Amino acid sequence: MTAALPLKAASSTIVGDWEGTLNPGAQAKKRIVAHISVGQDGILSGTIDYPEQDVSGILITAITYKGSTLHFEVASSQGSYDGVSNSDNSEISGTWKQGGAGVNLILKRTP
């Protein structure tokens, strides 16, 4: 897990809690919450929660943020996310991929 930005830049843009809703067609909607943090060494890390399923703390196994582009992987669910943040870094628009299928996922910064 490596940070593409120095600690100060990463902290002001991507670090925090991000929430969105997965809506994979006929299946029920499912909230996803990504918690992204950065250590003193500048390395990004994170976890994923699925509140409706009472699942929390799933490890994000790889994460990069460069410019306005976010990519992370969740090995335990064979999932990944690729998105681009908006100009004020309040929202990331992208695609969640799992099992070969991709669905749109907009993550919004939460307080």
PDB file of N, CA and C in Angstrom:
ATOM      1  N   MET A   1       0.846  -1.174   0.000  1.00  0.00           N
ATOM      2  CA  MET A   1       0.000   0.000   0.000  1.00  0.00           C
ATOM      3  C   MET A   1       0.893   1.239   0.000  1.00  0.00           C
ATOM      4  N   THR A   2       0.827   1.989  -1.041  1.00  0.00           N
ATOM      5  CA  THR A   2       1.663   3.165  -1.115  1.00  0.00           C
ATOM      6  C   THR A   2       0.834   4.392  -1.419  1.00  0.00           C
ATOM      7  N   ALA A   3       1.246   5.505  -0.871  1.00  0.00           N
ATOM      8  CA  ALA A   3       0.577   6.763  -1.132  1.00  0.00           C
ATOM      9  C   ALA A   3       1.246   7.428  -2.315  1.00  0.00           C
ATOM     10  N   ALA A   4       0.447   7.941  -3.229  1.00  0.00           N
ATOM     11  CA  ALA A   4       0.994   8.619  -4.391  1.00  0.00           C
ATOM     12  C   ALA A   4       1.218  10.097  -4.111  1.00  0.00           C
ATOM     13  N   LEU A   5       0.736  10.577  -2.980  1.00  0.00           N
ATOM     14  CA  LEU A   5       0.884  11.973  -2.587  1.00  0.00           C
ATOM     15  C   LEU A   5       1.602  12.056  -1.255  1.00  0.00           C
ATOM     16  N   PRO A   6       2.307  13.148  -0.987  1.00  0.00           N
ATOM     17  CA  PRO A   6       2.887  13.335   0.342  1.00  0.00           C
ATOM     18  C   PRO A   6       1.785  13.358   1.401  1.00  0.00           C
ATOM     19  N   LEU A   7       2.157  13.074   2.635  1.00  0.00           N
ATOM     20  CA  LEU A   7       1.216  13.004   3.752  1.00  0.00           C
ATOM     21  C   LEU A   7       0.282  14.202   3.813  1.00  0.00           C
ATOM     22  N   LYS A   8       0.802  15.413   3.745  1.00  0.00           N
ATOM     23  CA  LYS A   8      -0.017  16.612   3.879  1.00  0.00           C
ATOM     24  C   LYS A   8      -1.065  16.697   2.770  1.00  0.00           C
ATOM     25  N   ALA A   9      -0.677  16.421   1.528  1.00  0.00           N
ATOM     26  CA  ALA A   9      -1.610  16.489   0.404  1.00  0.00           C
ATOM     27  C   ALA A   9      -2.669  15.402   0.508  1.00  0.00           C
ATOM     28  N   ALA A  10      -2.266  14.184   0.861  1.00  0.00           N
ATOM     29  CA  ALA A  10      -3.221  13.086   0.973  1.00  0.00           C
ATOM     30  C   ALA A  10      -4.225  13.359   2.084  1.00  0.00           C
ATOM     31  N   SER A  11      -3.764  13.891   3.201  1.00  0.00           N
ATOM     32  CA  SER A  11      -4.653  14.161   4.332  1.00  0.00           C
ATOM     33  C   SER A  11      -5.747  15.148   3.972  1.00  0.00           C
ATOM     34  N   SER A  12      -5.420  16.153   3.187  1.00  0.00           N
ATOM     35  CA  SER A  12      -6.397  17.187   2.892  1.00  0.00           C
ATOM     36  C   SER A  12      -7.363  16.795   1.782  1.00  0.00           C
ATOM     37  N   THR A  13      -7.106  15.693   1.090  1.00  0.00           N
ATOM     38  CA  THR A  13      -7.960  15.353  -0.034  1.00  0.00           C
ATOM     39  C   THR A  13      -8.710  14.036   0.096  1.00  0.00           C
ATOM     40  N   ILE A  14      -8.045  12.958   0.432  1.00  0.00           N
ATOM     41  CA  ILE A  14      -8.683  11.646   0.377  1.00  0.00           C
ATOM     42  C   ILE A  14      -8.939  11.018   1.744  1.00  0.00           C
ATOM     43  N   VAL A  15      -8.194  11.396   2.746  1.00  0.00           N
ATOM     44  CA  VAL A  15      -8.339  10.783   4.066  1.00  0.00           C
ATOM     45  C   VAL A  15      -9.684  11.153   4.669  1.00  0.00           C
ATOM     46  N   GLY A  16     -10.355  10.147   5.215  1.00  0.00           N
ATOM     47  CA  GLY A  16     -11.640  10.361   5.863  1.00  0.00           C
ATOM     48  C   GLY A  16     -12.581   9.201   5.598  1.00  0.00           C
ATOM     49  N   ASP A  17     -13.850   9.437   5.888  1.00  0.00           N
ATOM     50  CA  ASP A  17     -14.886   8.425   5.694  1.00  0.00           C
ATOM     51  C   ASP A  17     -15.713   8.786   4.470  1.00  0.00           C
ATOM     52  N   TRP A  18     -15.983   7.782   3.639  1.00  0.00           N
ATOM     53  CA  TRP A  18     -16.689   7.960   2.381  1.00  0.00           C
ATOM     54  C   TRP A  18     -17.830   6.942   2.317  1.00  0.00           C
ATOM     55  N   GLU A  19     -19.027   7.394   1.955  1.00  0.00           N
ATOM     56  CA  GLU A  19     -20.182   6.496   1.927  1.00  0.00           C
ATOM     57  C   GLU A  19     -20.902   6.578   0.592  1.00  0.00           C
ATOM     58  N   GLY A  20     -21.351   5.411   0.136  1.00  0.00           N
ATOM     59  CA  GLY A  20     -22.122   5.341  -1.101  1.00  0.00           C
ATOM     60  C   GLY A  20     -23.057   4.154  -1.063  1.00  0.00           C
ATOM     61  N   THR A  21     -23.872   4.011  -2.111  1.00  0.00           N
ATOM     62  CA  THR A  21     -24.832   2.921  -2.181  1.00  0.00           C
ATOM     63  C   THR A  21     -24.613   2.120  -3.453  1.00  0.00           C
ATOM     64  N   LEU A  22     -24.394   0.832  -3.272  1.00  0.00           N
ATOM     65  CA  LEU A  22     -24.290  -0.089  -4.397  1.00  0.00           C
ATOM     66  C   LEU A  22     -25.697  -0.489  -4.809  1.00  0.00           C
ATOM     67  N   ASN A  23     -25.984  -0.440  -6.095  1.00  0.00           N
ATOM     68  CA  ASN A  23     -27.296  -0.829  -6.596  1.00  0.00           C
ATOM     69  C   ASN A  23     -27.100  -1.722  -7.811  1.00  0.00           C
ATOM     70  N   PRO A  24     -26.713  -2.985  -7.566  1.00  0.00           N
ATOM     71  CA  PRO A  24     -26.395  -3.883  -8.683  1.00  0.00           C
ATOM     72  C   PRO A  24     -27.614  -4.514  -9.334  1.00  0.00           C
ATOM     73  N   GLY A  25     -28.431  -3.707  -9.962  1.00  0.00           N
ATOM     74  CA  GLY A  25     -29.586  -4.219 -10.704  1.00  0.00           C
ATOM     75  C   GLY A  25     -30.704  -4.703  -9.814  1.00  0.00           C
ATOM     76  N   ALA A  26     -31.072  -5.976  -9.968  1.00  0.00           N
ATOM     77  CA  ALA A  26     -32.223  -6.530  -9.250  1.00  0.00           C
ATOM     78  C   ALA A  26     -31.952  -6.771  -7.770  1.00  0.00           C
ATOM     79  N   GLN A  27     -30.686  -6.779  -7.379  1.00  0.00           N
ATOM     80  CA  GLN A  27     -30.359  -7.019  -5.976  1.00  0.00           C
ATOM     81  C   GLN A  27     -30.730  -5.804  -5.142  1.00  0.00           C
ATOM     82  N   ALA A  28     -30.899  -6.032  -3.859  1.00  0.00           N
ATOM     83  CA  ALA A  28     -31.202  -4.939  -2.935  1.00  0.00           C
ATOM     84  C   ALA A  28     -30.029  -3.964  -2.867  1.00  0.00           C
ATOM     85  N   LYS A  29     -30.347  -2.708  -2.650  1.00  0.00           N
ATOM     86  CA  LYS A  29     -29.302  -1.707  -2.485  1.00  0.00           C
ATOM     87  C   LYS A  29     -28.505  -2.021  -1.223  1.00  0.00           C
ATOM     88  N   LYS A  30     -27.210  -1.681  -1.273  1.00  0.00           N
ATOM     89  CA  LYS A  30     -26.342  -1.977  -0.145  1.00  0.00           C
ATOM     90  C   LYS A  30     -25.377  -0.812   0.051  1.00  0.00           C
ATOM     91  N   ARG A  31     -25.398  -0.231   1.263  1.00  0.00           N
ATOM     92  CA  ARG A  31     -24.453   0.847   1.557  1.00  0.00           C
ATOM     93  C   ARG A  31     -23.056   0.289   1.734  1.00  0.00           C
ATOM     94  N   ILE A  32     -22.097   1.099   1.321  1.00  0.00           N
ATOM     95  CA  ILE A  32     -20.696   0.774   1.519  1.00  0.00           C
ATOM     96  C   ILE A  32     -20.043   2.009   2.134  1.00  0.00           C
ATOM     97  N   VAL A  33     -19.230   1.792   3.153  1.00  0.00           N
ATOM     98  CA  VAL A  33     -18.514   2.895   3.803  1.00  0.00           C
ATOM     99  C   VAL A  33     -17.029   2.560   3.761  1.00  0.00           C
ATOM    100  N   ALA A  34     -16.256   3.464   3.164  1.00  0.00           N
ATOM    101  CA  ALA A  34     -14.807   3.300   3.099  1.00  0.00           C
ATOM    102  C   ALA A  34     -14.161   4.258   4.088  1.00  0.00           C
ATOM    103  N   HIS A  35     -13.297   3.730   4.922  1.00  0.00           N
ATOM    104  CA  HIS A  35     -12.554   4.534   5.902  1.00  0.00           C
ATOM    105  C   HIS A  35     -11.097   4.570   5.429  1.00  0.00           C
ATOM    106  N   ILE A  36     -10.637   5.742   5.023  1.00  0.00           N
ATOM    107  CA  ILE A  36      -9.278   5.872   4.497  1.00  0.00           C
ATOM    108  C   ILE A  36      -8.456   6.714   5.458  1.00  0.00           C
ATOM    109  N   SER A  37      -7.290   6.192   5.806  1.00  0.00           N
ATOM    110  CA  SER A  37      -6.403   6.903   6.733  1.00  0.00           C
ATOM    111  C   SER A  37      -4.989   6.891   6.169  1.00  0.00           C
ATOM    112  N   VAL A  38      -4.135   7.674   6.802  1.00  0.00           N
ATOM    113  CA  VAL A  38      -2.733   7.727   6.393  1.00  0.00           C
ATOM    114  C   VAL A  38      -1.871   7.712   7.646  1.00  0.00           C
ATOM    115  N   GLY A  39      -0.850   6.886   7.626  1.00  0.00           N
ATOM    116  CA  GLY A  39       0.048   6.788   8.773  1.00  0.00           C
ATOM    117  C   GLY A  39       1.083   7.896   8.769  1.00  0.00           C
ATOM    118  N   GLN A  40       1.842   7.966   9.828  1.00  0.00           N
ATOM    119  CA  GLN A  40       2.896   8.976   9.926  1.00  0.00           C
ATOM    120  C   GLN A  40       3.942   8.800   8.836  1.00  0.00           C
ATOM    121  N   ASP A  41       4.013   7.589   8.281  1.00  0.00           N
ATOM    122  CA  ASP A  41       4.968   7.321   7.207  1.00  0.00           C
ATOM    123  C   ASP A  41       4.430   7.728   5.837  1.00  0.00           C
ATOM    124  N   GLY A  42       3.182   8.234   5.800  1.00  0.00           N
ATOM    125  CA  GLY A  42       2.591   8.690   4.548  1.00  0.00           C
ATOM    126  C   GLY A  42       1.908   7.604   3.746  1.00  0.00           C
ATOM    127  N   ILE A  43       1.815   6.394   4.291  1.00  0.00           N
ATOM    128  CA  ILE A  43       1.201   5.281   3.570  1.00  0.00           C
ATOM    129  C   ILE A  43      -0.304   5.247   3.850  1.00  0.00           C
ATOM    130  N   LEU A  44      -1.083   5.195   2.765  1.00  0.00           N
ATOM    131  CA  LEU A  44      -2.537   5.111   2.884  1.00  0.00           C
ATOM    132  C   LEU A  44      -2.960   3.701   3.270  1.00  0.00           C
ATOM    133  N   SER A  45      -4.030   3.607   4.060  1.00  0.00           N
ATOM    134  CA  SER A  45      -4.608   2.320   4.412  1.00  0.00           C
ATOM    135  C   SER A  45      -6.101   2.539   4.611  1.00  0.00           C
ATOM    136  N   GLY A  46      -6.841   1.449   4.781  1.00  0.00           N
ATOM    137  CA  GLY A  46      -8.268   1.630   4.977  1.00  0.00           C
ATOM    138  C   GLY A  46      -9.010   0.345   5.219  1.00  0.00           C
ATOM    139  N   THR A  47     -10.295   0.527   5.507  1.00  0.00           N
ATOM    140  CA  THR A  47     -11.220  -0.581   5.700  1.00  0.00           C
ATOM    141  C   THR A  47     -12.551  -0.233   5.042  1.00  0.00           C
ATOM    142  N   ILE A  48     -13.374  -1.260   4.844  1.00  0.00           N
ATOM    143  CA  ILE A  48     -14.701  -1.128   4.248  1.00  0.00           C
ATOM    144  C   ILE A  48     -15.726  -1.703   5.223  1.00  0.00           C
ATOM    145  N   ASP A  49     -16.879  -1.039   5.309  1.00  0.00           N
ATOM    146  CA  ASP A  49     -18.008  -1.545   6.093  1.00  0.00           C
ATOM    147  C   ASP A  49     -19.215  -1.723   5.175  1.00  0.00           C
ATOM    148  N   TYR A  50     -20.052  -2.717   5.491  1.00  0.00           N
ATOM    149  CA  TYR A  50     -21.360  -2.902   4.860  1.00  0.00           C
ATOM    150  C   TYR A  50     -22.394  -2.852   5.990  1.00  0.00           C
ATOM    151  N   PRO A  51     -22.899  -1.670   6.343  1.00  0.00           N
ATOM    152  CA  PRO A  51     -23.758  -1.511   7.527  1.00  0.00           C
ATOM    153  C   PRO A  51     -25.001  -2.408   7.543  1.00  0.00           C
ATOM    154  N   GLU A  52     -25.684  -2.568   6.406  1.00  0.00           N
ATOM    155  CA  GLU A  52     -26.907  -3.389   6.396  1.00  0.00           C
ATOM    156  C   GLU A  52     -26.626  -4.857   6.681  1.00  0.00           C
ATOM    157  N   GLN A  53     -25.411  -5.282   6.444  1.00  0.00           N
ATOM    158  CA  GLN A  53     -25.037  -6.673   6.689  1.00  0.00           C
ATOM    159  C   GLN A  53     -24.300  -6.846   8.012  1.00  0.00           C
ATOM    160  N   ASP A  54     -24.194  -5.758   8.789  1.00  0.00           N
ATOM    161  CA  ASP A  54     -23.455  -5.778  10.046  1.00  0.00           C
ATOM    162  C   ASP A  54     -22.028  -6.290   9.863  1.00  0.00           C
ATOM    163  N   VAL A  55     -21.406  -5.892   8.758  1.00  0.00           N
ATOM    164  CA  VAL A  55     -20.034  -6.269   8.463  1.00  0.00           C
ATOM    165  C   VAL A  55     -19.187  -5.005   8.493  1.00  0.00           C
ATOM    166  N   SER A  56     -18.099  -5.052   9.247  1.00  0.00           N
ATOM    167  CA  SER A  56     -17.234  -3.872   9.320  1.00  0.00           C
ATOM    168  C   SER A  56     -15.774  -4.295   9.422  1.00  0.00           C
ATOM    169  N   GLY A  57     -14.918  -3.375   9.041  1.00  0.00           N
ATOM    170  CA  GLY A  57     -13.485  -3.584   9.194  1.00  0.00           C
ATOM    171  C   GLY A  57     -12.841  -4.477   8.157  1.00  0.00           C
ATOM    172  N   ILE A  58     -13.457  -4.612   6.983  1.00  0.00           N
ATOM    173  CA  ILE A  58     -12.841  -5.416   5.926  1.00  0.00           C
ATOM    174  C   ILE A  58     -11.631  -4.645   5.397  1.00  0.00           C
ATOM    175  N   LEU A  59     -10.498  -5.274   5.386  1.00  0.00           N
ATOM    176  CA  LEU A  59      -9.245  -4.629   5.034  1.00  0.00           C
ATOM    177  C   LEU A  59      -9.174  -4.256   3.555  1.00  0.00           C
ATOM    178  N   ILE A  60      -8.828  -2.998   3.284  1.00  0.00           N
ATOM    179  CA  ILE A  60      -8.460  -2.578   1.939  1.00  0.00           C
ATOM    180  C   ILE A  60      -7.002  -2.998   1.782  1.00  0.00           C
ATOM    181  N   THR A  61      -6.741  -3.865   0.817  1.00  0.00           N
ATOM    182  CA  THR A  61      -5.413  -4.465   0.712  1.00  0.00           C
ATOM    183  C   THR A  61      -4.446  -3.675  -0.167  1.00  0.00           C
ATOM    184  N   ALA A  62      -4.954  -2.781  -0.993  1.00  0.00           N
ATOM    185  CA  ALA A  62      -4.101  -1.911  -1.813  1.00  0.00           C
ATOM    186  C   ALA A  62      -4.872  -0.623  -2.059  1.00  0.00           C
ATOM    187  N   ILE A  63      -4.178   0.506  -1.982  1.00  0.00           N
ATOM    188  CA  ILE A  63      -4.842   1.784  -2.203  1.00  0.00           C
ATOM    189  C   ILE A  63      -3.843   2.797  -2.759  1.00  0.00           C
ATOM    190  N   THR A  64      -4.275   3.498  -3.790  1.00  0.00           N
ATOM    191  CA  THR A  64      -3.465   4.579  -4.347  1.00  0.00           C
ATOM    192  C   THR A  64      -4.366   5.772  -4.625  1.00  0.00           C
ATOM    193  N   TYR A  65      -3.802   6.935  -4.479  1.00  0.00           N
ATOM    194  CA  TYR A  65      -4.505   8.182  -4.806  1.00  0.00           C
ATOM    195  C   TYR A  65      -3.506   9.107  -5.467  1.00  0.00           C
ATOM    196  N   LYS A  66      -3.749   9.420  -6.720  1.00  0.00           N
ATOM    197  CA  LYS A  66      -2.829  10.264  -7.473  1.00  0.00           C
ATOM    198  C   LYS A  66      -3.640  11.297  -8.242  1.00  0.00           C
ATOM    199  N   GLY A  67      -3.300  12.569  -8.049  1.00  0.00           N
ATOM    200  CA  GLY A  67      -4.088  13.627  -8.671  1.00  0.00           C
ATOM    201  C   GLY A  67      -5.473  13.614  -8.072  1.00  0.00           C
ATOM    202  N   SER A  68      -6.456  13.239  -8.848  1.00  0.00           N
ATOM    203  CA  SER A  68      -7.820  13.118  -8.332  1.00  0.00           C
ATOM    204  C   SER A  68      -8.351  11.695  -8.514  1.00  0.00           C
ATOM    205  N   THR A  69      -7.453  10.751  -8.804  1.00  0.00           N
ATOM    206  CA  THR A  69      -7.863   9.381  -9.093  1.00  0.00           C
ATOM    207  C   THR A  69      -7.578   8.459  -7.912  1.00  0.00           C
ATOM    208  N   LEU A  70      -8.625   7.758  -7.471  1.00  0.00           N
ATOM    209  CA  LEU A  70      -8.531   6.807  -6.366  1.00  0.00           C
ATOM    210  C   LEU A  70      -8.680   5.391  -6.909  1.00  0.00           C
ATOM    211  N   HIS A  71      -7.845   4.497  -6.427  1.00  0.00           N
ATOM    212  CA  HIS A  71      -7.975   3.071  -6.723  1.00  0.00           C
ATOM    213  C   HIS A  71      -7.745   2.310  -5.428  1.00  0.00           C
ATOM    214  N   PHE A  72      -8.659   1.389  -5.118  1.00  0.00           N
ATOM    215  CA  PHE A  72      -8.388   0.484  -3.999  1.00  0.00           C
ATOM    216  C   PHE A  72      -8.906  -0.903  -4.299  1.00  0.00           C
ATOM    217  N   GLU A  73      -8.320  -1.871  -3.595  1.00  0.00           N
ATOM    218  CA  GLU A  73      -8.667  -3.279  -3.778  1.00  0.00           C
ATOM    219  C   GLU A  73      -9.005  -3.910  -2.437  1.00  0.00           C
ATOM    220  N   VAL A  74      -9.967  -4.828  -2.473  1.00  0.00           N
ATOM    221  CA  VAL A  74     -10.380  -5.573  -1.290  1.00  0.00           C
ATOM    222  C   VAL A  74     -10.251  -7.056  -1.645  1.00  0.00           C
ATOM    223  N   ALA A  75      -9.124  -7.637  -1.282  1.00  0.00           N
ATOM    224  CA  ALA A  75      -8.810  -9.009  -1.697  1.00  0.00           C
ATOM    225  C   ALA A  75      -9.826 -10.024  -1.177  1.00  0.00           C
ATOM    226  N   SER A  76     -10.307  -9.842   0.043  1.00  0.00           N
ATOM    227  CA  SER A  76     -11.207 -10.844   0.638  1.00  0.00           C
ATOM    228  C   SER A  76     -12.525 -10.991  -0.125  1.00  0.00           C
ATOM    229  N   SER A  77     -12.944  -9.944  -0.833  1.00  0.00           N
ATOM    230  CA  SER A  77     -14.184 -10.027  -1.611  1.00  0.00           C
ATOM    231  C   SER A  77     -13.914  -9.965  -3.117  1.00  0.00           C
ATOM    232  N   GLN A  78     -12.640  -9.981  -3.486  1.00  0.00           N
ATOM    233  CA  GLN A  78     -12.223  -9.868  -4.880  1.00  0.00           C
ATOM    234  C   GLN A  78     -12.865  -8.653  -5.543  1.00  0.00           C
ATOM    235  N   GLY A  79     -12.902  -7.542  -4.767  1.00  0.00           N
ATOM    236  CA  GLY A  79     -13.493  -6.308  -5.264  1.00  0.00           C
ATOM    237  C   GLY A  79     -12.453  -5.226  -5.461  1.00  0.00           C
ATOM    238  N   SER A  80     -12.806  -4.244  -6.288  1.00  0.00           N
ATOM    239  CA  SER A  80     -11.939  -3.088  -6.478  1.00  0.00           C
ATOM    240  C   SER A  80     -12.789  -1.878  -6.832  1.00  0.00           C
ATOM    241  N   TYR A  81     -12.222  -0.714  -6.616  1.00  0.00           N
ATOM    242  CA  TYR A  81     -12.910   0.543  -6.914  1.00  0.00           C
ATOM    243  C   TYR A  81     -11.946   1.470  -7.633  1.00  0.00           C
ATOM    244  N   ASP A  82     -12.450   2.106  -8.682  1.00  0.00           N
ATOM    245  CA  ASP A  82     -11.719   3.133  -9.399  1.00  0.00           C
ATOM    246  C   ASP A  82     -12.626   4.337  -9.531  1.00  0.00           C
ATOM    247  N   GLY A  83     -12.144   5.492  -9.071  1.00  0.00           N
ATOM    248  CA  GLY A  83     -12.970   6.683  -9.128  1.00  0.00           C
ATOM    249  C   GLY A  83     -12.149   7.950  -9.238  1.00  0.00           C
ATOM    250  N   VAL A  84     -12.854   9.034  -9.525  1.00  0.00           N
ATOM    251  CA  VAL A  84     -12.236  10.347  -9.660  1.00  0.00           C
ATOM    252  C   VAL A  84     -12.985  11.317  -8.758  1.00  0.00           C
ATOM    253  N   SER A  85     -12.238  12.084  -7.959  1.00  0.00           N
ATOM    254  CA  SER A  85     -12.872  13.036  -7.041  1.00  0.00           C
ATOM    255  C   SER A  85     -13.240  14.322  -7.775  1.00  0.00           C
ATOM    256  N   ASN A  86     -14.272  14.984  -7.259  1.00  0.00           N
ATOM    257  CA  ASN A  86     -14.680  16.260  -7.840  1.00  0.00           C
ATOM    258  C   ASN A  86     -13.743  17.372  -7.365  1.00  0.00           C
ATOM    259  N   SER A  87     -13.985  18.578  -7.820  1.00  0.00           N
ATOM    260  CA  SER A  87     -13.043  19.678  -7.572  1.00  0.00           C
ATOM    261  C   SER A  87     -12.913  20.059  -6.105  1.00  0.00           C
ATOM    262  N   ASP A  88     -13.966  19.885  -5.299  1.00  0.00           N
ATOM    263  CA  ASP A  88     -13.856  20.254  -3.880  1.00  0.00           C
ATOM    264  C   ASP A  88     -13.624  19.034  -2.985  1.00  0.00           C
ATOM    265  N   ASN A  89     -13.339  17.871  -3.596  1.00  0.00           N
ATOM    266  CA  ASN A  89     -13.034  16.630  -2.863  1.00  0.00           C
ATOM    267  C   ASN A  89     -14.135  16.201  -1.903  1.00  0.00           C
ATOM    268  N   SER A  90     -15.382  16.457  -2.277  1.00  0.00           N
ATOM    269  CA  SER A  90     -16.507  16.030  -1.441  1.00  0.00           C
ATOM    270  C   SER A  90     -17.176  14.772  -1.985  1.00  0.00           C
ATOM    271  N   GLU A  91     -16.801  14.369  -3.206  1.00  0.00           N
ATOM    272  CA  GLU A  91     -17.459  13.244  -3.856  1.00  0.00           C
ATOM    273  C   GLU A  91     -16.491  12.562  -4.814  1.00  0.00           C
ATOM    274  N   ILE A  92     -16.586  11.240  -4.880  1.00  0.00           N
ATOM    275  CA  ILE A  92     -15.778  10.460  -5.811  1.00  0.00           C
ATOM    276  C   ILE A  92     -16.729   9.642  -6.674  1.00  0.00           C
ATOM    277  N   SER A  93     -16.653   9.811  -7.973  1.00  0.00           N
ATOM    278  CA  SER A  93     -17.497   9.058  -8.904  1.00  0.00           C
ATOM    279  C   SER A  93     -16.665   7.964  -9.534  1.00  0.00           C
ATOM    280  N   GLY A  94     -17.191   6.730  -9.482  1.00  0.00           N
ATOM    281  CA  GLY A  94     -16.413   5.647 -10.037  1.00  0.00           C
ATOM    282  C   GLY A  94     -17.191   4.367 -10.211  1.00  0.00           C
ATOM    283  N   THR A  95     -16.433   3.271 -10.307  1.00  0.00           N
ATOM    284  CA  THR A  95     -17.003   1.950 -10.549  1.00  0.00           C
ATOM    285  C   THR A  95     -16.463   0.953  -9.533  1.00  0.00           C
ATOM    286  N   TRP A  96     -17.380   0.226  -8.885  1.00  0.00           N
ATOM    287  CA  TRP A  96     -17.036  -0.879  -8.002  1.00  0.00           C
ATOM    288  C   TRP A  96     -17.111  -2.141  -8.841  1.00  0.00           C
ATOM    289  N   LYS A  97     -16.038  -2.924  -8.858  1.00  0.00           N
ATOM    290  CA  LYS A  97     -16.000  -4.173  -9.620  1.00  0.00           C
ATOM    291  C   LYS A  97     -15.842  -5.329  -8.657  1.00  0.00           C
ATOM    292  N   GLN A  98     -16.669  -6.353  -8.912  1.00  0.00           N
ATOM    293  CA  GLN A  98     -16.603  -7.549  -8.077  1.00  0.00           C
ATOM    294  C   GLN A  98     -17.116  -8.721  -8.892  1.00  0.00           C
ATOM    295  N   GLY A  99     -16.359  -9.790  -8.924  1.00  0.00           N
ATOM    296  CA  GLY A  99     -16.781 -10.969  -9.665  1.00  0.00           C
ATOM    297  C   GLY A  99     -16.958 -10.715 -11.152  1.00  0.00           C
ATOM    298  N   GLY A 100     -16.173  -9.828 -11.717  1.00  0.00           N
ATOM    299  CA  GLY A 100     -16.252  -9.562 -13.144  1.00  0.00           C
ATOM    300  C   GLY A 100     -17.272  -8.508 -13.550  1.00  0.00           C
ATOM    301  N   ALA A 101     -18.187  -8.177 -12.652  1.00  0.00           N
ATOM    302  CA  ALA A 101     -19.208  -7.180 -12.971  1.00  0.00           C
ATOM    303  C   ALA A 101     -18.862  -5.845 -12.328  1.00  0.00           C
ATOM    304  N   GLY A 102     -19.241  -4.765 -12.983  1.00  0.00           N
ATOM    305  CA  GLY A 102     -19.004  -3.431 -12.445  1.00  0.00           C
ATOM    306  C   GLY A 102     -20.297  -2.659 -12.290  1.00  0.00           C
ATOM    307  N   VAL A 103     -20.395  -1.895 -11.210  1.00  0.00           N
ATOM    308  CA  VAL A 103     -21.558  -1.026 -10.983  1.00  0.00           C
ATOM    309  C   VAL A 103     -21.056   0.363 -10.600  1.00  0.00           C
ATOM    310  N   ASN A 104     -21.814   1.370 -11.008  1.00  0.00           N
ATOM    311  CA  ASN A 104     -21.479   2.733 -10.632  1.00  0.00           C
ATOM    312  C   ASN A 104     -21.569   2.891  -9.124  1.00  0.00           C
ATOM    313  N   LEU A 105     -20.621   3.617  -8.563  1.00  0.00           N
ATOM    314  CA  LEU A 105     -20.634   3.894  -7.134  1.00  0.00           C
ATOM    315  C   LEU A 105     -20.098   5.293  -6.904  1.00  0.00           C
ATOM    316  N   ILE A 106     -20.941   6.128  -6.325  1.00  0.00           N
ATOM    317  CA  ILE A 106     -20.527   7.486  -5.947  1.00  0.00           C
ATOM    318  C   ILE A 106     -20.307   7.481  -4.445  1.00  0.00           C
ATOM    319  N   LEU A 107     -19.095   7.811  -4.032  1.00  0.00           N
ATOM    320  CA  LEU A 107     -18.768   7.912  -2.614  1.00  0.00           C
ATOM    321  C   LEU A 107     -18.776   9.372  -2.220  1.00  0.00           C
ATOM    322  N   LYS A 108     -19.484   9.674  -1.130  1.00  0.00           N
ATOM    323  CA  LYS A 108     -19.540  11.051  -0.623  1.00  0.00           C
ATOM    324  C   LYS A 108     -18.870  11.097   0.725  1.00  0.00           C
ATOM    325  N   ARG A 109     -18.115  12.182   0.927  1.00  0.00           N
ATOM    326  CA  ARG A 109     -17.438  12.367   2.212  1.00  0.00           C
ATOM    327  C   ARG A 109     -18.482  12.512   3.311  1.00  0.00           C
ATOM    328  N   THR A 110     -18.264  11.819   4.422  1.00  0.00           N
ATOM    329  CA  THR A 110     -19.166  11.935   5.570  1.00  0.00           C
ATOM    330  C   THR A 110     -18.462  12.681   6.683  1.00  0.00           C
ATOM    331  N   PRO A 111     -19.246  13.341   7.534  1.00  0.00           N
ATOM    332  CA  PRO A 111     -18.609  14.099   8.629  1.00  0.00           C
ATOM    333  C   PRO A 111     -17.926  13.202   9.633  1.00  0.00           C
TER     334      PRO A 111
END
